[in-house]
N, C-alpha and C. Protein backbone atom coordinates (compact mmCIF):
# COMPACT_ATOMS: atom_id res chain seq x y z
N MET A 1 112.16 125.73 126.49
CA MET A 1 113.12 125.13 125.58
C MET A 1 114.10 126.21 125.10
N MET A 2 115.33 125.82 125.00
CA MET A 2 116.38 126.73 124.55
C MET A 2 116.40 126.80 123.03
N ASN A 3 116.62 128.02 122.49
CA ASN A 3 116.69 128.25 121.05
C ASN A 3 118.11 128.62 120.66
N VAL A 4 118.66 127.87 119.70
CA VAL A 4 120.01 128.13 119.20
C VAL A 4 119.90 128.44 117.70
N MET A 5 120.42 129.61 117.30
CA MET A 5 120.44 129.96 115.88
C MET A 5 121.83 129.70 115.32
N ILE A 6 121.86 128.95 114.22
CA ILE A 6 123.12 128.66 113.53
C ILE A 6 123.06 129.36 112.18
N LEU A 7 123.98 130.29 111.99
CA LEU A 7 124.06 131.06 110.75
C LEU A 7 125.23 130.55 109.93
N THR A 8 124.96 130.07 108.73
CA THR A 8 126.03 129.68 107.82
C THR A 8 126.01 130.64 106.63
N SER A 9 127.10 130.68 105.88
CA SER A 9 127.17 131.71 104.84
C SER A 9 128.01 131.26 103.66
N SER A 10 127.65 130.13 103.10
CA SER A 10 128.35 129.64 101.91
C SER A 10 127.33 129.19 100.88
N PRO A 11 127.61 129.43 99.61
CA PRO A 11 126.71 128.93 98.57
C PRO A 11 126.84 127.42 98.37
N ASN A 12 127.91 126.81 98.87
CA ASN A 12 128.15 125.39 98.71
C ASN A 12 127.42 124.63 99.81
N MET A 13 126.35 123.98 99.46
CA MET A 13 125.50 123.29 100.44
C MET A 13 126.10 121.95 100.91
N ASP A 14 127.17 121.50 100.27
CA ASP A 14 127.80 120.23 100.64
C ASP A 14 129.25 120.39 101.05
N GLY A 15 129.69 121.61 101.28
CA GLY A 15 131.10 121.87 101.56
C GLY A 15 131.44 121.90 103.04
N LEU A 16 132.59 122.43 103.31
CA LEU A 16 133.14 122.50 104.66
C LEU A 16 132.27 123.35 105.59
N THR A 17 131.81 124.49 105.11
CA THR A 17 130.96 125.37 105.93
C THR A 17 129.67 124.66 106.32
N ALA A 18 129.05 123.99 105.37
CA ALA A 18 127.81 123.25 105.65
C ALA A 18 128.07 122.13 106.66
N ALA A 19 129.19 121.43 106.53
CA ALA A 19 129.53 120.36 107.48
C ALA A 19 129.71 120.93 108.89
N CYS A 20 130.32 122.12 108.98
CA CYS A 20 130.50 122.76 110.29
C CYS A 20 129.14 123.15 110.89
N GLY A 21 128.27 123.71 110.07
CA GLY A 21 126.93 124.07 110.54
C GLY A 21 126.14 122.87 111.00
N ASN A 22 126.25 121.78 110.25
CA ASN A 22 125.54 120.55 110.63
C ASN A 22 126.09 119.96 111.92
N ALA A 23 127.40 120.09 112.14
CA ALA A 23 128.00 119.61 113.39
C ALA A 23 127.48 120.42 114.58
N ALA A 24 127.38 121.74 114.40
CA ALA A 24 126.83 122.59 115.46
C ALA A 24 125.38 122.22 115.74
N LYS A 25 124.62 121.98 114.69
CA LYS A 25 123.22 121.59 114.85
C LYS A 25 123.10 120.29 115.64
N SER A 26 123.92 119.33 115.30
CA SER A 26 123.92 118.05 116.00
C SER A 26 124.22 118.22 117.49
N GLY A 27 125.24 119.02 117.79
CA GLY A 27 125.61 119.25 119.19
C GLY A 27 124.50 119.91 119.98
N ALA A 28 123.85 120.90 119.41
CA ALA A 28 122.75 121.59 120.10
C ALA A 28 121.56 120.65 120.29
N GLU A 29 121.24 119.89 119.25
CA GLU A 29 120.09 118.99 119.33
C GLU A 29 120.32 117.88 120.35
N GLU A 30 121.55 117.48 120.58
CA GLU A 30 121.84 116.46 121.59
C GLU A 30 121.41 116.90 122.98
N THR A 31 121.30 118.19 123.20
CA THR A 31 120.89 118.72 124.51
C THR A 31 119.39 119.00 124.57
N GLY A 32 118.68 118.77 123.47
CA GLY A 32 117.26 119.05 123.42
C GLY A 32 116.92 120.46 122.98
N ALA A 33 117.91 121.21 122.56
CA ALA A 33 117.67 122.58 122.12
C ALA A 33 116.92 122.59 120.79
N LYS A 34 116.14 123.64 120.59
CA LYS A 34 115.51 123.87 119.29
C LYS A 34 116.52 124.64 118.45
N VAL A 35 116.78 124.15 117.24
CA VAL A 35 117.79 124.76 116.38
C VAL A 35 117.12 125.43 115.19
N ILE A 36 117.51 126.66 114.95
CA ILE A 36 117.07 127.41 113.78
C ILE A 36 118.29 127.58 112.89
N MET A 37 118.27 126.94 111.72
CA MET A 37 119.37 127.02 110.77
C MET A 37 119.05 128.11 109.75
N VAL A 38 120.00 129.00 109.53
CA VAL A 38 119.84 130.06 108.54
C VAL A 38 121.07 130.07 107.65
N ASN A 39 120.87 129.85 106.35
CA ASN A 39 121.96 130.02 105.40
C ASN A 39 121.83 131.43 104.82
N LEU A 40 122.76 132.29 105.17
CA LEU A 40 122.69 133.69 104.74
C LEU A 40 122.73 133.83 103.22
N ASN A 41 123.28 132.84 102.52
CA ASN A 41 123.29 132.89 101.06
C ASN A 41 121.91 132.65 100.47
N GLN A 42 121.00 132.13 101.24
CA GLN A 42 119.63 131.92 100.76
C GLN A 42 118.71 133.07 101.16
N GLN A 43 119.25 134.05 101.83
CA GLN A 43 118.50 135.24 102.23
C GLN A 43 118.81 136.36 101.24
N LYS A 44 117.87 137.25 101.10
CA LYS A 44 118.11 138.45 100.29
C LYS A 44 118.50 139.57 101.26
N ILE A 45 119.80 139.65 101.53
CA ILE A 45 120.34 140.65 102.45
C ILE A 45 121.47 141.38 101.74
N GLY A 46 121.20 142.62 101.39
CA GLY A 46 122.20 143.42 100.70
C GLY A 46 123.15 144.08 101.68
N SER A 47 124.11 144.79 101.13
CA SER A 47 125.10 145.45 101.97
C SER A 47 124.54 146.74 102.56
N CYS A 48 125.21 147.23 103.58
CA CYS A 48 124.85 148.49 104.21
C CYS A 48 125.01 149.62 103.20
N HIS A 49 124.07 150.56 103.21
CA HIS A 49 124.13 151.71 102.29
C HIS A 49 124.72 152.95 102.95
N ALA A 50 125.06 152.87 104.25
CA ALA A 50 125.54 154.05 104.99
C ALA A 50 124.62 155.23 104.68
N CYS A 51 123.34 155.03 104.93
CA CYS A 51 122.29 155.99 104.57
C CYS A 51 122.50 157.37 105.20
N GLY A 52 121.88 158.36 104.59
CA GLY A 52 121.93 159.72 105.12
C GLY A 52 123.35 160.22 105.21
N ASN A 53 123.73 160.67 106.38
CA ASN A 53 125.09 161.18 106.60
C ASN A 53 126.03 160.08 107.10
N GLY A 54 125.69 158.85 106.78
CA GLY A 54 126.49 157.70 107.22
C GLY A 54 125.75 156.85 108.24
N TRP A 55 124.69 157.42 108.78
CA TRP A 55 123.85 156.70 109.74
C TRP A 55 122.40 156.97 109.37
N GLY A 56 121.69 155.91 109.06
CA GLY A 56 120.25 156.03 108.81
C GLY A 56 119.50 155.75 110.10
N THR A 57 118.43 155.00 109.98
CA THR A 57 117.62 154.66 111.15
C THR A 57 118.34 153.70 112.10
N CYS A 58 119.43 153.12 111.65
CA CYS A 58 120.15 152.16 112.50
C CYS A 58 120.72 152.83 113.75
N ARG A 59 121.09 154.08 113.68
CA ARG A 59 121.73 154.74 114.81
C ARG A 59 120.75 155.01 115.96
N ASN A 60 119.58 155.54 115.67
CA ASN A 60 118.65 155.94 116.72
C ASN A 60 117.49 154.98 116.91
N GLU A 61 117.04 154.35 115.82
CA GLU A 61 115.90 153.43 115.92
C GLU A 61 116.34 151.97 115.98
N HIS A 62 117.60 151.72 115.70
CA HIS A 62 118.19 150.38 115.74
C HIS A 62 117.52 149.42 114.77
N GLN A 63 117.08 150.00 113.66
CA GLN A 63 116.51 149.22 112.56
C GLN A 63 117.11 149.72 111.26
N CYS A 64 117.33 148.81 110.35
CA CYS A 64 117.89 149.18 109.05
C CYS A 64 116.77 149.58 108.11
N GLN A 65 116.98 150.69 107.40
CA GLN A 65 115.94 151.17 106.49
C GLN A 65 116.05 150.55 105.10
N VAL A 66 117.09 149.77 104.84
CA VAL A 66 117.19 149.04 103.58
C VAL A 66 116.29 147.81 103.73
N VAL A 67 115.19 147.76 102.99
CA VAL A 67 114.18 146.71 103.18
C VAL A 67 114.54 145.47 102.36
N ASP A 68 114.76 144.38 103.09
CA ASP A 68 115.01 143.07 102.50
C ASP A 68 114.82 142.02 103.59
N ASP A 69 115.45 140.87 103.50
CA ASP A 69 115.27 139.81 104.50
C ASP A 69 115.96 140.10 105.83
N PHE A 70 116.77 141.13 105.89
CA PHE A 70 117.46 141.47 107.13
C PHE A 70 116.49 141.71 108.28
N GLN A 71 115.43 142.45 108.03
CA GLN A 71 114.52 142.84 109.11
C GLN A 71 113.94 141.64 109.86
N ASN A 72 113.44 140.66 109.13
CA ASN A 72 112.84 139.49 109.80
C ASN A 72 113.89 138.68 110.56
N LEU A 73 115.05 138.50 109.95
CA LEU A 73 116.11 137.74 110.63
C LEU A 73 116.58 138.48 111.87
N HIS A 74 116.80 139.77 111.75
CA HIS A 74 117.23 140.59 112.88
C HIS A 74 116.20 140.51 114.02
N ALA A 75 114.94 140.66 113.69
CA ALA A 75 113.88 140.60 114.72
C ALA A 75 113.83 139.24 115.40
N SER A 76 114.08 138.18 114.67
CA SER A 76 114.00 136.83 115.26
C SER A 76 115.13 136.55 116.24
N MET A 77 116.20 137.31 116.17
CA MET A 77 117.36 137.05 117.02
C MET A 77 117.09 137.31 118.50
N LYS A 78 116.16 138.17 118.81
CA LYS A 78 115.86 138.47 120.22
C LYS A 78 115.31 137.25 120.95
N ASP A 79 114.71 136.31 120.21
CA ASP A 79 114.13 135.12 120.82
C ASP A 79 115.12 133.96 120.94
N MET A 80 116.34 134.18 120.53
CA MET A 80 117.36 133.14 120.59
C MET A 80 118.13 133.23 121.90
N ASP A 81 118.62 132.08 122.34
CA ASP A 81 119.41 132.00 123.58
C ASP A 81 120.91 131.91 123.31
N ALA A 82 121.27 131.45 122.10
CA ALA A 82 122.69 131.27 121.76
C ALA A 82 122.82 131.26 120.24
N PHE A 83 124.04 131.49 119.77
CA PHE A 83 124.29 131.60 118.34
C PHE A 83 125.58 130.88 117.95
N VAL A 84 125.60 130.40 116.71
CA VAL A 84 126.82 129.90 116.09
C VAL A 84 126.89 130.56 114.72
N LEU A 85 127.99 131.24 114.44
CA LEU A 85 128.21 131.85 113.13
C LEU A 85 129.33 131.08 112.44
N VAL A 86 129.01 130.52 111.27
CA VAL A 86 129.97 129.74 110.49
C VAL A 86 130.14 130.43 109.14
N SER A 87 131.36 130.83 108.85
CA SER A 87 131.63 131.46 107.56
C SER A 87 132.82 130.81 106.89
N PRO A 88 132.73 130.65 105.56
CA PRO A 88 133.95 130.30 104.86
C PRO A 88 134.91 131.48 104.92
N VAL A 89 136.17 131.22 104.74
CA VAL A 89 137.17 132.28 104.76
C VAL A 89 137.44 132.69 103.31
N TYR A 90 137.11 133.94 103.00
CA TYR A 90 137.38 134.50 101.68
C TYR A 90 138.34 135.66 101.86
N TRP A 91 139.55 135.52 101.34
CA TRP A 91 140.55 136.59 101.41
C TRP A 91 140.81 137.03 102.84
N GLY A 92 140.79 136.11 103.77
CA GLY A 92 141.07 136.42 105.16
C GLY A 92 139.90 137.04 105.90
N GLU A 93 138.73 137.03 105.31
CA GLU A 93 137.53 137.65 105.90
C GLU A 93 136.37 136.67 105.86
N MET A 94 135.27 137.07 106.50
CA MET A 94 134.02 136.34 106.37
C MET A 94 133.54 136.43 104.92
N SER A 95 132.65 135.54 104.54
CA SER A 95 132.07 135.60 103.20
C SER A 95 131.28 136.89 103.03
N GLU A 96 131.01 137.25 101.80
CA GLU A 96 130.26 138.47 101.50
C GLU A 96 128.87 138.45 102.14
N SER A 97 128.20 137.30 102.12
CA SER A 97 126.86 137.24 102.73
C SER A 97 126.94 137.43 104.24
N ALA A 98 127.96 136.87 104.87
CA ALA A 98 128.13 137.06 106.32
C ALA A 98 128.49 138.50 106.63
N LYS A 99 129.37 139.10 105.82
CA LYS A 99 129.74 140.49 106.06
C LYS A 99 128.55 141.43 105.87
N SER A 100 127.75 141.21 104.83
CA SER A 100 126.58 142.08 104.62
C SER A 100 125.66 142.02 105.83
N PHE A 101 125.37 140.82 106.28
CA PHE A 101 124.48 140.67 107.43
C PHE A 101 125.10 141.25 108.70
N THR A 102 126.34 140.89 108.99
CA THR A 102 126.94 141.32 110.26
C THR A 102 127.25 142.80 110.28
N ASP A 103 127.59 143.39 109.14
CA ASP A 103 127.80 144.85 109.10
C ASP A 103 126.52 145.59 109.48
N ARG A 104 125.41 145.16 108.94
CA ARG A 104 124.13 145.80 109.25
C ARG A 104 123.70 145.50 110.68
N LEU A 105 123.94 144.28 111.15
CA LEU A 105 123.63 143.92 112.53
C LEU A 105 124.41 144.79 113.51
N ARG A 106 125.70 144.96 113.24
CA ARG A 106 126.55 145.77 114.11
C ARG A 106 126.05 147.21 114.17
N ARG A 107 125.65 147.77 113.05
CA ARG A 107 125.15 149.15 113.03
C ARG A 107 123.85 149.29 113.83
N CYS A 108 122.99 148.28 113.75
CA CYS A 108 121.71 148.35 114.48
C CYS A 108 121.86 148.06 115.96
N GLU A 109 122.78 147.21 116.33
CA GLU A 109 122.89 146.75 117.71
C GLU A 109 124.09 147.33 118.47
N GLY A 110 125.13 147.71 117.77
CA GLY A 110 126.39 148.06 118.41
C GLY A 110 126.37 149.29 119.29
N ILE A 111 125.48 150.25 119.04
CA ILE A 111 125.47 151.47 119.85
C ILE A 111 124.17 151.63 120.64
N LYS A 112 123.45 150.54 120.80
CA LYS A 112 122.23 150.58 121.60
C LYS A 112 122.56 150.88 123.05
N LYS A 113 121.76 151.73 123.65
CA LYS A 113 121.91 151.97 125.09
C LYS A 113 121.20 150.86 125.87
N GLU A 114 120.07 150.38 125.33
CA GLU A 114 119.39 149.25 125.96
C GLU A 114 120.08 147.96 125.50
N LYS A 115 119.66 146.86 126.05
CA LYS A 115 120.29 145.57 125.79
C LYS A 115 120.18 145.19 124.31
N THR A 116 121.29 144.70 123.74
CA THR A 116 121.28 144.25 122.34
C THR A 116 120.64 142.87 122.25
N CYS A 117 120.31 142.45 121.04
CA CYS A 117 119.70 141.13 120.85
C CYS A 117 120.69 139.99 121.07
N LEU A 118 121.97 140.31 121.19
CA LEU A 118 122.99 139.30 121.47
C LEU A 118 123.67 139.48 122.81
N GLU A 119 123.34 140.52 123.51
CA GLU A 119 124.04 140.85 124.75
C GLU A 119 123.97 139.72 125.77
N GLU A 120 125.14 139.34 126.23
CA GLU A 120 125.32 138.28 127.23
C GLU A 120 124.86 136.91 126.76
N LYS A 121 124.60 136.77 125.46
CA LYS A 121 124.23 135.47 124.90
C LYS A 121 125.49 134.84 124.32
N PRO A 122 125.70 133.55 124.57
CA PRO A 122 126.92 132.91 124.08
C PRO A 122 126.92 132.72 122.57
N VAL A 123 128.11 132.89 122.01
CA VAL A 123 128.31 132.77 120.56
C VAL A 123 129.55 131.95 120.29
N ILE A 124 129.44 131.06 119.32
CA ILE A 124 130.59 130.33 118.80
C ILE A 124 130.84 130.84 117.39
N SER A 125 132.09 131.21 117.10
CA SER A 125 132.49 131.66 115.78
C SER A 125 133.33 130.58 115.12
N VAL A 126 132.98 130.26 113.87
CA VAL A 126 133.72 129.24 113.13
C VAL A 126 134.16 129.82 111.79
N ALA A 127 135.46 129.77 111.53
CA ALA A 127 136.02 130.18 110.24
C ALA A 127 136.44 128.90 109.51
N ALA A 128 135.80 128.63 108.38
CA ALA A 128 136.03 127.40 107.63
C ALA A 128 136.80 127.71 106.36
N ALA A 129 138.09 127.39 106.36
CA ALA A 129 138.96 127.69 105.22
C ALA A 129 139.12 126.45 104.36
N GLY A 130 138.60 126.51 103.17
CA GLY A 130 138.69 125.38 102.26
C GLY A 130 140.04 125.27 101.57
N GLY A 131 140.81 126.35 101.58
CA GLY A 131 142.11 126.35 100.90
C GLY A 131 143.25 126.18 101.86
N SER A 132 144.17 127.14 101.84
CA SER A 132 145.41 127.04 102.62
C SER A 132 145.19 127.18 104.12
N GLY A 133 144.14 127.88 104.53
CA GLY A 133 143.92 128.15 105.94
C GLY A 133 144.61 129.40 106.41
N ASN A 134 145.29 130.10 105.51
CA ASN A 134 146.05 131.28 105.90
C ASN A 134 145.19 132.41 106.45
N GLY A 135 143.93 132.50 106.09
CA GLY A 135 143.09 133.61 106.53
C GLY A 135 142.25 133.35 107.76
N ILE A 136 142.40 132.19 108.38
CA ILE A 136 141.56 131.85 109.53
C ILE A 136 141.69 132.87 110.66
N THR A 137 142.89 133.23 111.00
CA THR A 137 143.10 134.13 112.14
C THR A 137 142.46 135.49 111.92
N THR A 138 142.64 136.07 110.74
CA THR A 138 142.04 137.38 110.49
C THR A 138 140.52 137.30 110.41
N CYS A 139 140.00 136.20 109.89
CA CYS A 139 138.54 136.02 109.84
C CYS A 139 137.98 135.92 111.25
N LEU A 140 138.60 135.11 112.09
CA LEU A 140 138.14 134.98 113.48
C LEU A 140 138.29 136.30 114.23
N THR A 141 139.31 137.07 113.91
CA THR A 141 139.50 138.37 114.55
C THR A 141 138.36 139.32 114.19
N SER A 142 137.92 139.31 112.94
CA SER A 142 136.79 140.18 112.57
C SER A 142 135.50 139.73 113.25
N MET A 143 135.33 138.42 113.43
CA MET A 143 134.17 137.91 114.16
C MET A 143 134.25 138.35 115.63
N GLU A 144 135.45 138.29 116.20
CA GLU A 144 135.63 138.70 117.59
C GLU A 144 135.26 140.17 117.78
N ARG A 145 135.67 141.04 116.86
CA ARG A 145 135.32 142.47 116.95
C ARG A 145 133.81 142.66 116.87
N LEU A 146 133.17 141.95 115.95
CA LEU A 146 131.71 142.03 115.82
C LEU A 146 131.04 141.70 117.14
N PHE A 147 131.40 140.56 117.74
CA PHE A 147 130.72 140.12 118.95
C PHE A 147 131.09 140.95 120.17
N THR A 148 132.22 141.62 120.13
CA THR A 148 132.54 142.60 121.16
C THR A 148 131.60 143.80 121.05
N HIS A 149 131.43 144.29 119.84
CA HIS A 149 130.57 145.47 119.61
C HIS A 149 129.12 145.23 120.03
N VAL A 150 128.60 144.04 119.83
CA VAL A 150 127.19 143.76 120.17
C VAL A 150 127.05 143.13 121.55
N LYS A 151 128.15 143.07 122.30
CA LYS A 151 128.17 142.64 123.70
C LYS A 151 127.78 141.18 123.91
N ALA A 152 128.06 140.34 122.92
CA ALA A 152 127.78 138.91 123.07
C ALA A 152 128.84 138.28 123.97
N GLU A 153 128.49 137.13 124.54
CA GLU A 153 129.46 136.35 125.33
C GLU A 153 130.20 135.44 124.36
N LYS A 154 131.48 135.65 124.21
CA LYS A 154 132.28 134.88 123.26
C LYS A 154 132.61 133.52 123.89
N PHE A 155 131.94 132.49 123.42
CA PHE A 155 132.11 131.15 124.00
C PHE A 155 133.31 130.43 123.41
N ASP A 156 133.46 130.47 122.07
CA ASP A 156 134.59 129.79 121.44
C ASP A 156 134.81 130.33 120.04
N PHE A 157 136.06 130.22 119.58
CA PHE A 157 136.47 130.58 118.23
C PHE A 157 137.19 129.37 117.66
N ILE A 158 136.69 128.87 116.52
CA ILE A 158 137.21 127.62 115.97
C ILE A 158 137.58 127.82 114.51
N GLY A 159 138.83 127.52 114.19
CA GLY A 159 139.29 127.55 112.80
C GLY A 159 139.34 126.15 112.25
N VAL A 160 138.81 125.97 111.04
CA VAL A 160 138.74 124.64 110.42
C VAL A 160 139.34 124.71 109.02
N THR A 161 140.13 123.70 108.68
CA THR A 161 140.66 123.57 107.32
C THR A 161 140.35 122.16 106.82
N GLN A 162 140.63 121.92 105.56
CA GLN A 162 140.45 120.56 105.04
C GLN A 162 141.40 119.59 105.76
N LYS A 163 142.55 120.09 106.20
CA LYS A 163 143.55 119.23 106.87
C LYS A 163 143.10 118.78 108.26
N ASN A 164 142.42 119.67 109.00
CA ASN A 164 142.03 119.33 110.37
C ASN A 164 140.53 119.08 110.52
N LYS A 165 139.86 118.98 109.40
CA LYS A 165 138.40 118.84 109.37
C LYS A 165 137.88 117.69 110.26
N LYS A 166 138.55 116.56 110.21
CA LYS A 166 138.04 115.38 110.92
C LYS A 166 137.83 115.65 112.40
N TYR A 167 138.83 116.19 113.07
CA TYR A 167 138.67 116.42 114.51
C TYR A 167 138.01 117.76 114.82
N LYS A 168 138.10 118.72 113.94
CA LYS A 168 137.46 120.02 114.20
C LYS A 168 135.93 119.93 114.07
N ILE A 169 135.43 119.08 113.20
CA ILE A 169 133.97 118.88 113.11
C ILE A 169 133.47 118.35 114.45
N ASP A 170 134.20 117.41 115.04
CA ASP A 170 133.85 116.91 116.38
C ASP A 170 133.95 118.03 117.42
N THR A 171 134.97 118.87 117.28
CA THR A 171 135.15 120.00 118.21
C THR A 171 133.95 120.95 118.15
N ILE A 172 133.47 121.24 116.95
CA ILE A 172 132.32 122.14 116.79
C ILE A 172 131.09 121.53 117.45
N ARG A 173 130.85 120.25 117.20
CA ARG A 173 129.70 119.57 117.82
C ARG A 173 129.80 119.61 119.33
N GLU A 174 130.96 119.29 119.87
CA GLU A 174 131.16 119.27 121.32
C GLU A 174 131.07 120.68 121.92
N ALA A 175 131.62 121.68 121.23
CA ALA A 175 131.56 123.06 121.73
C ALA A 175 130.11 123.55 121.79
N THR A 176 129.35 123.26 120.75
CA THR A 176 127.95 123.69 120.74
C THR A 176 127.15 122.95 121.81
N LYS A 177 127.42 121.68 121.97
CA LYS A 177 126.77 120.90 123.03
C LYS A 177 127.10 121.48 124.40
N GLU A 178 128.37 121.78 124.65
CA GLU A 178 128.79 122.33 125.94
C GLU A 178 128.16 123.71 126.18
N MET A 179 128.11 124.53 125.14
CA MET A 179 127.49 125.85 125.26
C MET A 179 126.02 125.71 125.67
N ALA A 180 125.31 124.81 125.03
CA ALA A 180 123.89 124.61 125.35
C ALA A 180 123.71 124.04 126.75
N LEU A 181 124.57 123.12 127.15
CA LEU A 181 124.47 122.55 128.50
C LEU A 181 124.73 123.61 129.57
N LYS A 182 125.69 124.48 129.35
CA LYS A 182 125.98 125.55 130.31
C LYS A 182 124.79 126.51 130.42
N LEU A 183 124.13 126.77 129.30
CA LEU A 183 122.94 127.63 129.33
C LEU A 183 121.81 126.97 130.13
N GLN A 184 121.63 125.68 129.89
CA GLN A 184 120.58 124.96 130.61
C GLN A 184 120.83 124.95 132.12
N ALA A 185 122.09 124.93 132.50
CA ALA A 185 122.45 124.86 133.92
C ALA A 185 122.22 126.19 134.65
N LYS A 186 122.08 127.27 133.90
CA LYS A 186 121.89 128.60 134.52
C LYS A 186 120.54 128.70 135.20
C-alpha cells in the first residue's frame, strides 16, 4: 500500500489551508493510498538553533539535536511514498510552523551524501492565501527551493486564494490523485 503524508500548517482548522489539506486527502484516498495527516501547528516543533558553529548534529549525523516532535515526524518520513505540503501564505512566506519544520528538515536532509527521506519522491506544494494572494508566488518559490535541496520530485505547485478556491480545491484533489496513480503505475 502506498503512503502519502499531507502536512498542513495553519492554526485555523476550518479555513482555506484545512480545506486544501482535506482535498489532497480525498484525492489520495480515491486511489486506495494510506494517508497520514499532520498539522504542524499541533506539533511541538521549534525553530532551528543553528547549534555549535552554525551546524550541530544535522550536518554529519543528519539528525537535529533540538529535542521536540521534529525527531518522530522526521523519522516517519522515510516510510512515505509521496508528500503534500500545504501552508497558508504569511507575508509572502510559508507559515511559521511550516518554516520551523522545513528549515530543520532541510538542514538534516539537504547535504546528505546518501539518499534523503524525500529523494525522488513526488511532492505537491500548495500556498493558500486567505487575503490578497499577493504572496503566493514567493511562498511557492521558497517551497520549490526546499524541495530542490532535499532532492524531491516536484510534482505540482498550486496557489489558492479565496477568489479561486472553488476550482483550485478540485485541482488539489485531482493533482494528488494523479500523483498517487502515477506512483502506483511504477
